[in-house]
């Protein structure tokens, strides 16, 4: 659904079209994305097209960077430990 929204606005029906999901399930997924701040909607008569939220995506990007940094530090420590153990067992 997020990939589809990268192409532009879409209704819940349009977002659910490629999936074998019920309308309530699609609506639930969209609501989760909205609650997370990743997706917003606007009122266009009877339509409620959704779109990606740049602010929400910026927050997600910052979180991903923090996680990436933490994992890289963990892998660096593991590499160091592995090297130490390898040298001790020569």
N, C-alpha and C. Protein backbone atom coordinates (compact mmCIF):
# COMPACT_ATOMS: atom_id res chain seq x y z
N UNK A 1 0.81 -1.19 0.00
CA UNK A 1 0.00 0.00 0.00
C UNK A 1 0.86 1.25 0.00
N UNK A 2 1.92 1.21 0.77
CA UNK A 2 2.83 2.37 0.80
C UNK A 2 3.47 2.54 -0.57
N UNK A 3 3.85 1.45 -1.19
CA UNK A 3 4.44 1.54 -2.54
C UNK A 3 3.45 2.15 -3.52
N UNK A 4 2.20 1.76 -3.41
CA UNK A 4 1.18 2.33 -4.30
C UNK A 4 1.03 3.83 -4.05
N UNK A 5 1.07 4.25 -2.79
CA UNK A 5 0.93 5.67 -2.47
C UNK A 5 2.13 6.50 -2.92
N UNK A 6 3.26 5.85 -3.17
CA UNK A 6 4.41 6.56 -3.72
C UNK A 6 4.10 7.09 -5.12
N UNK A 7 3.15 6.44 -5.78
CA UNK A 7 2.74 6.87 -7.13
C UNK A 7 1.75 8.02 -7.09
N UNK A 8 1.12 8.27 -5.94
CA UNK A 8 0.14 9.34 -5.80
C UNK A 8 -1.04 8.91 -4.95
N UNK A 9 -1.98 9.82 -4.80
CA UNK A 9 -3.15 9.57 -3.97
C UNK A 9 -3.94 8.36 -4.46
N UNK A 10 -4.62 7.71 -3.50
CA UNK A 10 -5.47 6.57 -3.84
C UNK A 10 -6.52 6.41 -2.75
N UNK A 11 -7.67 5.92 -3.15
CA UNK A 11 -8.72 5.60 -2.19
C UNK A 11 -8.42 4.26 -1.54
N UNK A 12 -9.15 3.97 -0.48
CA UNK A 12 -8.99 2.68 0.19
C UNK A 12 -9.29 1.55 -0.78
N UNK A 13 -10.32 1.71 -1.60
CA UNK A 13 -10.67 0.69 -2.59
C UNK A 13 -9.52 0.47 -3.56
N UNK A 14 -8.93 1.56 -4.03
CA UNK A 14 -7.80 1.45 -4.96
C UNK A 14 -6.60 0.80 -4.29
N UNK A 15 -6.36 1.14 -3.03
CA UNK A 15 -5.23 0.55 -2.31
C UNK A 15 -5.40 -0.94 -2.09
N UNK A 16 -6.64 -1.37 -1.90
CA UNK A 16 -6.88 -2.79 -1.65
C UNK A 16 -7.02 -3.64 -2.89
N UNK A 17 -7.16 -3.03 -4.05
CA UNK A 17 -7.41 -3.77 -5.29
C UNK A 17 -6.41 -4.90 -5.57
N UNK A 18 -5.11 -4.69 -5.38
CA UNK A 18 -4.17 -5.78 -5.73
C UNK A 18 -4.13 -6.93 -4.72
N UNK A 19 -4.81 -6.78 -3.60
CA UNK A 19 -4.70 -7.76 -2.53
C UNK A 19 -5.98 -8.57 -2.38
N UNK A 20 -5.84 -9.78 -1.90
CA UNK A 20 -6.98 -10.65 -1.63
C UNK A 20 -7.39 -10.43 -0.17
N UNK A 21 -7.89 -9.22 0.12
CA UNK A 21 -8.30 -8.84 1.47
C UNK A 21 -9.71 -8.29 1.42
N UNK A 22 -10.41 -8.44 2.52
CA UNK A 22 -11.75 -7.84 2.61
C UNK A 22 -11.61 -6.33 2.75
N UNK A 23 -12.68 -5.62 2.44
CA UNK A 23 -12.67 -4.17 2.58
C UNK A 23 -12.38 -3.74 4.02
N UNK A 24 -12.98 -4.41 5.03
CA UNK A 24 -12.64 -4.03 6.41
C UNK A 24 -11.15 -4.24 6.74
N UNK A 25 -10.56 -5.29 6.20
CA UNK A 25 -9.13 -5.55 6.45
C UNK A 25 -8.28 -4.46 5.81
N UNK A 26 -8.62 -4.07 4.59
CA UNK A 26 -7.88 -2.99 3.91
C UNK A 26 -8.02 -1.70 4.71
N UNK A 27 -9.25 -1.40 5.13
CA UNK A 27 -9.49 -0.18 5.92
C UNK A 27 -8.68 -0.20 7.21
N UNK A 28 -8.59 -1.37 7.83
CA UNK A 28 -7.80 -1.49 9.06
C UNK A 28 -6.33 -1.19 8.78
N UNK A 29 -5.79 -1.75 7.74
CA UNK A 29 -4.38 -1.51 7.38
C UNK A 29 -4.14 -0.02 7.13
N UNK A 30 -5.05 0.59 6.39
CA UNK A 30 -4.91 2.03 6.09
C UNK A 30 -4.99 2.84 7.39
N UNK A 31 -5.91 2.46 8.27
CA UNK A 31 -6.04 3.17 9.55
C UNK A 31 -4.76 3.05 10.38
N UNK A 32 -4.13 1.89 10.37
CA UNK A 32 -2.86 1.71 11.09
C UNK A 32 -1.81 2.66 10.52
N UNK A 33 -1.74 2.76 9.20
CA UNK A 33 -0.78 3.68 8.57
C UNK A 33 -1.09 5.12 8.94
N UNK A 34 -2.38 5.46 9.01
CA UNK A 34 -2.77 6.82 9.41
C UNK A 34 -2.42 7.07 10.87
N UNK A 35 -2.72 6.11 11.74
CA UNK A 35 -2.41 6.26 13.16
C UNK A 35 -0.91 6.41 13.40
N UNK A 36 -0.12 5.77 12.54
CA UNK A 36 1.34 5.88 12.64
C UNK A 36 1.86 7.19 12.07
N UNK A 37 0.98 7.97 11.44
CA UNK A 37 1.38 9.25 10.87
C UNK A 37 2.03 9.15 9.51
N UNK A 38 1.96 7.97 8.89
CA UNK A 38 2.59 7.78 7.59
C UNK A 38 1.68 8.16 6.43
N UNK A 39 0.38 8.16 6.68
CA UNK A 39 -0.61 8.42 5.63
C UNK A 39 -1.62 9.44 6.15
N UNK A 40 -2.03 10.34 5.28
CA UNK A 40 -3.09 11.29 5.60
C UNK A 40 -4.17 11.17 4.54
N UNK A 41 -5.30 11.81 4.79
CA UNK A 41 -6.36 11.82 3.77
C UNK A 41 -6.97 13.20 3.69
N UNK A 42 -7.68 13.43 2.61
CA UNK A 42 -8.42 14.66 2.43
C UNK A 42 -9.83 14.29 1.97
N UNK A 43 -10.74 15.23 2.15
CA UNK A 43 -12.12 15.01 1.74
C UNK A 43 -12.31 15.61 0.36
N UNK A 44 -12.79 14.79 -0.56
CA UNK A 44 -13.05 15.22 -1.93
C UNK A 44 -14.45 14.72 -2.29
N UNK A 45 -15.46 15.44 -1.78
CA UNK A 45 -16.84 14.96 -1.95
C UNK A 45 -17.00 13.66 -1.21
N UNK A 46 -17.49 12.62 -1.88
CA UNK A 46 -17.65 11.33 -1.20
C UNK A 46 -16.34 10.54 -1.09
N UNK A 47 -15.31 10.98 -1.78
CA UNK A 47 -14.03 10.28 -1.77
C UNK A 47 -13.15 10.76 -0.61
N UNK A 48 -12.30 9.89 -0.13
CA UNK A 48 -11.32 10.23 0.92
C UNK A 48 -9.95 9.71 0.47
N UNK A 49 -9.37 10.35 -0.56
CA UNK A 49 -8.09 9.83 -1.05
C UNK A 49 -6.98 9.96 0.01
N UNK A 50 -6.17 8.92 0.07
CA UNK A 50 -5.04 8.90 1.00
C UNK A 50 -3.78 9.27 0.25
N UNK A 51 -2.82 9.79 1.01
CA UNK A 51 -1.51 10.11 0.44
C UNK A 51 -0.46 9.95 1.54
N UNK A 52 0.78 9.80 1.13
CA UNK A 52 1.87 9.69 2.09
C UNK A 52 2.07 11.02 2.78
N UNK A 53 2.45 10.96 4.04
CA UNK A 53 2.71 12.16 4.83
C UNK A 53 4.22 12.39 4.91
N UNK A 54 4.72 13.47 4.29
CA UNK A 54 6.16 13.72 4.35
C UNK A 54 6.69 13.81 5.78
N UNK A 55 5.91 14.40 6.68
CA UNK A 55 6.34 14.52 8.07
C UNK A 55 6.47 13.14 8.71
N UNK A 56 5.48 12.29 8.47
CA UNK A 56 5.53 10.93 9.02
C UNK A 56 6.68 10.13 8.44
N UNK A 57 6.91 10.29 7.15
CA UNK A 57 8.02 9.57 6.52
C UNK A 57 9.36 10.06 7.03
N UNK A 58 9.47 11.36 7.33
CA UNK A 58 10.71 11.91 7.88
C UNK A 58 10.99 11.30 9.25
N UNK A 59 9.94 11.15 10.06
CA UNK A 59 10.10 10.52 11.37
C UNK A 59 10.54 9.07 11.23
N UNK A 60 9.92 8.36 10.29
CA UNK A 60 10.29 6.97 10.04
C UNK A 60 11.74 6.87 9.56
N UNK A 61 12.13 7.76 8.69
CA UNK A 61 13.50 7.78 8.19
C UNK A 61 14.50 8.01 9.32
N UNK A 62 14.18 8.92 10.24
CA UNK A 62 15.06 9.18 11.38
C UNK A 62 15.16 7.95 12.27
N UNK A 63 14.04 7.26 12.48
CA UNK A 63 14.05 6.05 13.30
C UNK A 63 14.88 4.96 12.63
N UNK A 64 14.73 4.79 11.34
CA UNK A 64 15.50 3.78 10.60
C UNK A 64 16.99 4.09 10.70
N UNK A 65 17.36 5.37 10.58
CA UNK A 65 18.77 5.74 10.72
C UNK A 65 19.31 5.39 12.10
N UNK A 66 18.51 5.64 13.14
CA UNK A 66 18.95 5.32 14.50
C UNK A 66 19.13 3.82 14.68
N UNK A 67 18.20 3.04 14.15
CA UNK A 67 18.30 1.58 14.24
C UNK A 67 19.51 1.09 13.45
N UNK A 68 19.70 1.65 12.26
CA UNK A 68 20.85 1.26 11.44
C UNK A 68 22.16 1.54 12.17
N UNK A 69 22.27 2.69 12.80
CA UNK A 69 23.47 3.06 13.55
C UNK A 69 23.71 2.09 14.70
N UNK A 70 22.63 1.75 15.42
CA UNK A 70 22.77 0.81 16.54
C UNK A 70 23.21 -0.57 16.05
N UNK A 71 22.61 -1.05 14.97
CA UNK A 71 23.00 -2.36 14.45
C UNK A 71 24.43 -2.35 13.93
N UNK A 72 24.83 -1.27 13.28
CA UNK A 72 26.21 -1.19 12.80
C UNK A 72 27.19 -1.23 13.96
N UNK A 73 26.86 -0.55 15.06
CA UNK A 73 27.72 -0.59 16.25
C UNK A 73 27.77 -2.00 16.82
N UNK A 74 26.64 -2.68 16.86
CA UNK A 74 26.62 -4.06 17.36
C UNK A 74 27.47 -4.97 16.48
N UNK A 75 27.33 -4.82 15.16
CA UNK A 75 28.12 -5.65 14.25
C UNK A 75 29.61 -5.34 14.38
N UNK A 76 29.95 -4.08 14.58
CA UNK A 76 31.35 -3.72 14.78
C UNK A 76 31.90 -4.39 16.04
N UNK A 77 31.11 -4.40 17.12
CA UNK A 77 31.55 -5.06 18.36
C UNK A 77 31.69 -6.57 18.15
N UNK A 78 30.76 -7.16 17.42
CA UNK A 78 30.86 -8.59 17.14
C UNK A 78 32.08 -8.90 16.29
N UNK A 79 32.35 -8.06 15.29
CA UNK A 79 33.55 -8.26 14.47
C UNK A 79 34.81 -8.18 15.32
N UNK A 80 34.84 -7.23 16.24
CA UNK A 80 35.99 -7.07 17.13
C UNK A 80 36.15 -8.28 18.03
N UNK A 81 35.05 -8.75 18.60
CA UNK A 81 35.09 -9.94 19.45
C UNK A 81 35.53 -11.16 18.65
N UNK A 82 34.99 -11.31 17.47
CA UNK A 82 35.37 -12.44 16.62
C UNK A 82 36.87 -12.41 16.33
N UNK A 83 37.38 -11.24 16.01
CA UNK A 83 38.82 -11.10 15.72
C UNK A 83 39.65 -11.45 16.95
N UNK A 84 39.21 -10.99 18.11
CA UNK A 84 39.93 -11.30 19.35
C UNK A 84 39.93 -12.80 19.63
N UNK A 85 38.79 -13.42 19.49
CA UNK A 85 38.70 -14.86 19.71
C UNK A 85 39.53 -15.64 18.70
N UNK A 86 39.51 -15.18 17.47
CA UNK A 86 40.28 -15.85 16.42
C UNK A 86 41.77 -15.80 16.73
N UNK A 87 42.26 -14.64 17.19
CA UNK A 87 43.67 -14.48 17.53
C UNK A 87 44.07 -15.33 18.74
N UNK A 88 43.16 -15.44 19.70
CA UNK A 88 43.45 -16.23 20.92
C UNK A 88 43.53 -17.72 20.63
N UNK A 89 42.89 -18.18 19.61
CA UNK A 89 42.84 -19.60 19.30
C UNK A 89 43.76 -19.99 18.17
N UNK A 90 44.75 -19.21 17.90
CA UNK A 90 45.73 -19.55 16.85
C UNK A 90 46.77 -20.45 17.36
